[in-house]
């Protein structure tokens, strides 16, 4: 066992008679390792991208809620009365009346 371990550490398995088989196996494992590392980096990149997009969605949702709240306050009758009063208009004292038109045949 000691001799086999020393042969592996010295690299004799790469220059022995069946070296092409060993080289092919090493190339195959190196390719798989490179593929695994690449896949890991792509997965990490996707996680960071998802995190950034989640933050952006959270910020946009907050901005949407803020603008919706402002719009609701602007649509309130009291807010409209104040805005229109600044322009010199006042609300009518008499409620509107419905006009009915009868068609003549």
N, C-alpha and C. Protein backbone atom coordinates (compact mmCIF):
# COMPACT_ATOMS: atom_id res chain seq x y z
N UNK A 1 0.83 -1.19 0.00
CA UNK A 1 0.00 0.00 0.00
C UNK A 1 0.88 1.26 0.00
N UNK A 2 1.96 1.20 0.77
CA UNK A 2 2.87 2.33 0.85
C UNK A 2 3.50 2.63 -0.50
N UNK A 3 3.84 1.57 -1.24
CA UNK A 3 4.45 1.74 -2.55
C UNK A 3 3.46 2.36 -3.53
N UNK A 4 2.19 1.91 -3.46
CA UNK A 4 1.15 2.47 -4.33
C UNK A 4 0.90 3.95 -4.05
N UNK A 5 0.93 4.32 -2.79
CA UNK A 5 0.72 5.71 -2.42
C UNK A 5 1.89 6.58 -2.89
N UNK A 6 3.09 6.05 -2.74
CA UNK A 6 4.26 6.79 -3.21
C UNK A 6 4.24 6.93 -4.73
N UNK A 7 3.80 5.90 -5.44
CA UNK A 7 3.71 5.98 -6.90
C UNK A 7 2.71 7.06 -7.33
N UNK A 8 1.59 7.15 -6.63
CA UNK A 8 0.59 8.17 -6.95
C UNK A 8 1.15 9.56 -6.67
N UNK A 9 1.82 9.73 -5.52
CA UNK A 9 2.39 11.03 -5.17
C UNK A 9 3.49 11.45 -6.14
N UNK A 10 4.27 10.51 -6.62
CA UNK A 10 5.35 10.83 -7.57
C UNK A 10 4.81 11.01 -8.99
N UNK A 11 3.61 10.57 -9.26
CA UNK A 11 3.01 10.73 -10.57
C UNK A 11 3.40 9.63 -11.55
N UNK A 12 3.82 8.46 -11.05
CA UNK A 12 4.22 7.37 -11.94
C UNK A 12 3.04 6.80 -12.72
N UNK A 13 1.83 6.98 -12.20
CA UNK A 13 0.68 6.43 -12.91
C UNK A 13 0.41 7.21 -14.21
N UNK A 14 1.01 8.39 -14.33
CA UNK A 14 0.82 9.19 -15.54
C UNK A 14 1.78 8.82 -16.66
N UNK A 15 2.88 8.14 -16.33
CA UNK A 15 3.87 7.80 -17.34
C UNK A 15 4.03 6.28 -17.52
N UNK A 16 3.23 5.51 -16.86
CA UNK A 16 3.34 4.05 -16.98
C UNK A 16 2.74 3.58 -18.31
N UNK A 17 2.68 2.28 -18.50
CA UNK A 17 2.22 1.72 -19.77
C UNK A 17 0.77 2.02 -20.10
N UNK A 18 -0.11 2.05 -19.12
CA UNK A 18 -1.53 2.34 -19.39
C UNK A 18 -1.86 3.80 -19.08
N UNK A 19 -0.93 4.68 -19.32
CA UNK A 19 -1.09 6.13 -19.04
C UNK A 19 -2.21 6.77 -19.84
N UNK A 20 -2.42 6.43 -21.14
CA UNK A 20 -3.52 7.09 -21.87
C UNK A 20 -4.88 6.94 -21.20
N UNK A 21 -5.11 5.77 -20.60
CA UNK A 21 -6.38 5.56 -19.89
C UNK A 21 -6.47 6.49 -18.69
N UNK A 22 -5.35 6.63 -17.97
CA UNK A 22 -5.33 7.52 -16.82
C UNK A 22 -5.49 8.98 -17.25
N UNK A 23 -4.85 9.37 -18.35
CA UNK A 23 -4.97 10.74 -18.83
C UNK A 23 -6.40 11.06 -19.23
N UNK A 24 -7.05 10.11 -19.89
CA UNK A 24 -8.44 10.35 -20.28
C UNK A 24 -9.33 10.52 -19.05
N UNK A 25 -9.07 9.68 -18.04
CA UNK A 25 -9.86 9.80 -16.81
C UNK A 25 -9.61 11.14 -16.14
N UNK A 26 -8.35 11.58 -16.10
CA UNK A 26 -8.04 12.87 -15.49
C UNK A 26 -8.68 14.03 -16.26
N UNK A 27 -8.64 13.96 -17.57
CA UNK A 27 -9.29 15.00 -18.38
C UNK A 27 -10.80 15.01 -18.13
N UNK A 28 -11.38 13.83 -18.03
CA UNK A 28 -12.82 13.73 -17.77
C UNK A 28 -13.17 14.33 -16.42
N UNK A 29 -12.41 13.96 -15.37
CA UNK A 29 -12.70 14.50 -14.04
C UNK A 29 -12.44 16.00 -13.97
N UNK A 30 -11.39 16.47 -14.70
CA UNK A 30 -11.12 17.91 -14.73
C UNK A 30 -12.26 18.66 -15.42
N UNK A 31 -12.78 18.09 -16.49
CA UNK A 31 -13.93 18.70 -17.17
C UNK A 31 -15.15 18.75 -16.28
N UNK A 32 -15.39 17.65 -15.56
CA UNK A 32 -16.54 17.64 -14.63
C UNK A 32 -16.35 18.67 -13.51
N UNK A 33 -15.13 18.80 -13.01
CA UNK A 33 -14.87 19.78 -11.95
C UNK A 33 -15.10 21.19 -12.47
N UNK A 34 -14.62 21.47 -13.70
CA UNK A 34 -14.83 22.80 -14.28
C UNK A 34 -16.32 23.07 -14.48
N UNK A 35 -17.05 22.07 -14.93
CA UNK A 35 -18.50 22.22 -15.12
C UNK A 35 -19.20 22.49 -13.79
N UNK A 36 -18.78 21.78 -12.75
CA UNK A 36 -19.39 21.97 -11.43
C UNK A 36 -19.09 23.36 -10.89
N UNK A 37 -17.87 23.84 -11.06
CA UNK A 37 -17.51 25.18 -10.59
C UNK A 37 -18.29 26.24 -11.36
N UNK A 38 -18.39 26.06 -12.66
CA UNK A 38 -19.16 27.01 -13.48
C UNK A 38 -20.62 27.04 -13.06
N UNK A 39 -21.18 25.87 -12.83
CA UNK A 39 -22.59 25.79 -12.41
C UNK A 39 -22.79 26.46 -11.07
N UNK A 40 -21.85 26.27 -10.16
CA UNK A 40 -21.94 26.90 -8.84
C UNK A 40 -21.89 28.42 -8.95
N UNK A 41 -21.00 28.93 -9.80
CA UNK A 41 -20.91 30.39 -9.97
C UNK A 41 -22.18 30.95 -10.60
N UNK A 42 -22.75 30.25 -11.55
CA UNK A 42 -23.99 30.72 -12.17
C UNK A 42 -25.13 30.71 -11.16
N UNK A 43 -25.17 29.69 -10.31
CA UNK A 43 -26.22 29.64 -9.29
C UNK A 43 -26.07 30.80 -8.31
N UNK A 44 -24.83 31.10 -7.90
CA UNK A 44 -24.60 32.23 -7.00
C UNK A 44 -25.00 33.55 -7.65
N UNK A 45 -24.69 33.68 -8.94
CA UNK A 45 -25.06 34.90 -9.66
C UNK A 45 -26.58 35.06 -9.70
N UNK A 46 -27.29 33.95 -9.92
CA UNK A 46 -28.76 34.02 -9.95
C UNK A 46 -29.31 34.41 -8.59
N UNK A 47 -28.72 33.87 -7.52
CA UNK A 47 -29.19 34.21 -6.17
C UNK A 47 -29.01 35.70 -5.91
N UNK A 48 -27.86 36.26 -6.30
CA UNK A 48 -27.64 37.70 -6.11
C UNK A 48 -28.61 38.52 -6.97
N UNK A 49 -28.86 38.07 -8.18
CA UNK A 49 -29.79 38.79 -9.05
C UNK A 49 -31.21 38.76 -8.48
N UNK A 50 -31.61 37.61 -7.96
CA UNK A 50 -32.94 37.51 -7.35
C UNK A 50 -33.04 38.41 -6.13
N UNK A 51 -31.97 38.47 -5.34
CA UNK A 51 -31.96 39.34 -4.16
C UNK A 51 -32.09 40.81 -4.56
N UNK A 52 -31.35 41.23 -5.58
CA UNK A 52 -31.43 42.62 -6.04
C UNK A 52 -32.82 42.94 -6.57
N UNK A 53 -33.41 42.01 -7.33
CA UNK A 53 -34.75 42.25 -7.87
C UNK A 53 -35.79 42.30 -6.76
N UNK A 54 -35.62 41.48 -5.74
CA UNK A 54 -36.55 41.52 -4.60
C UNK A 54 -36.49 42.86 -3.89
N UNK A 55 -35.27 43.38 -3.72
CA UNK A 55 -35.13 44.70 -3.10
C UNK A 55 -35.79 45.78 -3.96
N UNK A 56 -35.61 45.68 -5.28
CA UNK A 56 -36.20 46.66 -6.18
C UNK A 56 -37.73 46.59 -6.13
N UNK A 57 -38.27 45.37 -6.08
CA UNK A 57 -39.72 45.21 -5.99
C UNK A 57 -40.24 45.80 -4.68
N UNK A 58 -39.51 45.56 -3.59
CA UNK A 58 -39.92 46.10 -2.29
C UNK A 58 -39.93 47.63 -2.33
N UNK A 59 -38.91 48.23 -2.95
CA UNK A 59 -38.85 49.69 -3.03
C UNK A 59 -39.96 50.24 -3.92
N UNK A 60 -40.21 49.58 -5.05
CA UNK A 60 -41.28 50.05 -5.95
C UNK A 60 -42.65 49.90 -5.31
N UNK A 61 -42.85 48.83 -4.56
CA UNK A 61 -44.14 48.63 -3.88
C UNK A 61 -44.35 49.71 -2.83
N UNK A 62 -43.28 50.07 -2.11
CA UNK A 62 -43.38 51.13 -1.12
C UNK A 62 -43.71 52.46 -1.78
N UNK A 63 -43.06 52.74 -2.90
CA UNK A 63 -43.34 53.97 -3.63
C UNK A 63 -44.78 54.00 -4.16
N UNK A 64 -45.26 52.86 -4.64
CA UNK A 64 -46.64 52.77 -5.13
C UNK A 64 -47.63 53.06 -4.01
N UNK A 65 -47.41 52.48 -2.85
CA UNK A 65 -48.32 52.70 -1.72
C UNK A 65 -48.32 54.16 -1.31
N UNK A 66 -47.13 54.79 -1.33
CA UNK A 66 -47.04 56.20 -0.96
C UNK A 66 -47.83 57.07 -1.95
N UNK A 67 -47.67 56.81 -3.24
CA UNK A 67 -48.39 57.61 -4.24
C UNK A 67 -49.90 57.35 -4.19
N UNK A 68 -50.27 56.11 -3.94
CA UNK A 68 -51.70 55.81 -3.84
C UNK A 68 -52.32 56.54 -2.64
N UNK A 69 -51.59 56.61 -1.54
CA UNK A 69 -52.09 57.31 -0.36
C UNK A 69 -52.24 58.81 -0.66
N UNK A 70 -51.26 59.39 -1.36
CA UNK A 70 -51.37 60.81 -1.72
C UNK A 70 -52.58 61.04 -2.62
N UNK A 71 -52.80 60.16 -3.57
CA UNK A 71 -53.93 60.29 -4.48
C UNK A 71 -55.25 60.21 -3.72
N UNK A 72 -55.35 59.29 -2.79
CA UNK A 72 -56.59 59.18 -2.01
C UNK A 72 -56.84 60.43 -1.19
N UNK A 73 -55.80 61.03 -0.67
CA UNK A 73 -55.98 62.26 0.10
C UNK A 73 -56.38 63.42 -0.81
N UNK A 74 -55.83 63.45 -2.04
CA UNK A 74 -56.21 64.51 -2.96
C UNK A 74 -57.65 64.36 -3.44
N UNK A 75 -58.18 63.15 -3.46
CA UNK A 75 -59.54 62.92 -3.93
C UNK A 75 -60.59 63.16 -2.84
N UNK A 76 -60.17 63.38 -1.61
CA UNK A 76 -61.13 63.64 -0.53
C UNK A 76 -61.88 64.95 -0.81
N UNK A 77 -63.15 64.98 -0.42
CA UNK A 77 -63.98 66.15 -0.67
C UNK A 77 -63.43 67.38 0.04
N UNK A 78 -62.95 67.22 1.25
CA UNK A 78 -62.41 68.37 1.99
C UNK A 78 -61.17 68.92 1.30
N UNK A 79 -60.35 68.04 0.77
CA UNK A 79 -59.15 68.49 0.07
C UNK A 79 -59.54 69.21 -1.22
N UNK A 80 -60.54 68.70 -1.91
CA UNK A 80 -61.00 69.34 -3.14
C UNK A 80 -61.61 70.71 -2.85
N UNK A 81 -62.39 70.81 -1.76
CA UNK A 81 -62.99 72.10 -1.40
C UNK A 81 -61.90 73.13 -1.14
N UNK A 82 -60.87 72.74 -0.45
CA UNK A 82 -59.78 73.66 -0.14
C UNK A 82 -59.05 74.09 -1.42
N UNK A 83 -58.79 73.16 -2.31
CA UNK A 83 -58.09 73.47 -3.55
C UNK A 83 -58.92 74.38 -4.44
N UNK A 84 -60.22 74.12 -4.53
CA UNK A 84 -61.09 74.91 -5.38
C UNK A 84 -61.35 76.28 -4.75
N UNK A 85 -61.38 76.34 -3.43
CA UNK A 85 -61.61 77.62 -2.76
C UNK A 85 -60.45 78.57 -3.01
N UNK A 86 -59.25 78.07 -3.17
CA UNK A 86 -58.10 78.92 -3.48
C UNK A 86 -58.25 79.58 -4.85
N UNK A 87 -59.01 78.95 -5.75
CA UNK A 87 -59.21 79.50 -7.09
C UNK A 87 -60.46 80.38 -7.16
N UNK A 88 -61.13 80.54 -6.05
CA UNK A 88 -62.28 81.44 -6.01
C UNK A 88 -63.61 80.74 -6.22
N UNK A 89 -63.66 79.46 -6.28
CA UNK A 89 -64.92 78.74 -6.45
C UNK A 89 -65.42 78.27 -5.10
N UNK A 90 -66.76 78.29 -4.94
CA UNK A 90 -67.35 77.81 -3.70
C UNK A 90 -68.37 76.74 -4.04
N UNK A 91 -68.64 75.83 -3.14
CA UNK A 91 -69.64 74.80 -3.41
C UNK A 91 -71.04 75.41 -3.45
N UNK A 92 -71.89 74.79 -4.23
CA UNK A 92 -73.26 75.28 -4.38
C UNK A 92 -74.04 75.03 -3.10
N UNK A 93 -74.92 75.98 -2.80
CA UNK A 93 -75.75 75.84 -1.60
C UNK A 93 -76.96 74.96 -1.88
N UNK A 94 -77.35 74.85 -3.15
CA UNK A 94 -78.53 74.05 -3.51
C UNK A 94 -78.05 72.79 -4.23
N UNK A 95 -78.65 71.68 -3.89
CA UNK A 95 -78.23 70.43 -4.54
C UNK A 95 -78.66 70.43 -6.02
N UNK A 96 -78.00 69.70 -6.85
CA UNK A 96 -78.38 69.66 -8.26
C UNK A 96 -79.72 68.97 -8.44
N UNK A 97 -80.45 69.37 -9.49
CA UNK A 97 -81.76 68.77 -9.77
C UNK A 97 -81.66 68.00 -11.07
N UNK A 98 -82.41 66.92 -11.13
CA UNK A 98 -82.43 66.09 -12.31
C UNK A 98 -83.38 66.68 -13.34
N UNK A 99 -82.95 66.71 -14.58
CA UNK A 99 -83.79 67.22 -15.66
C UNK A 99 -84.28 66.03 -16.46
N UNK A 100 -85.59 65.93 -16.58
CA UNK A 100 -86.14 64.81 -17.34
C UNK A 100 -86.68 65.36 -18.68
N UNK A 101 -86.31 64.73 -19.74
CA UNK A 101 -86.75 65.14 -21.06
C UNK A 101 -87.69 64.07 -21.60
N UNK A 102 -88.88 64.52 -22.01
CA UNK A 102 -89.86 63.58 -22.57
C UNK A 102 -89.74 63.65 -24.09
N UNK A 103 -89.64 62.51 -24.70
CA UNK A 103 -89.53 62.50 -26.16
C UNK A 103 -90.91 62.56 -26.78
N UNK A 104 -91.02 63.33 -27.85
CA UNK A 104 -92.29 63.48 -28.57
C UNK A 104 -92.25 62.57 -29.78
N UNK A 105 -93.25 61.75 -29.94
CA UNK A 105 -93.27 60.81 -31.06
C UNK A 105 -94.29 61.21 -32.08
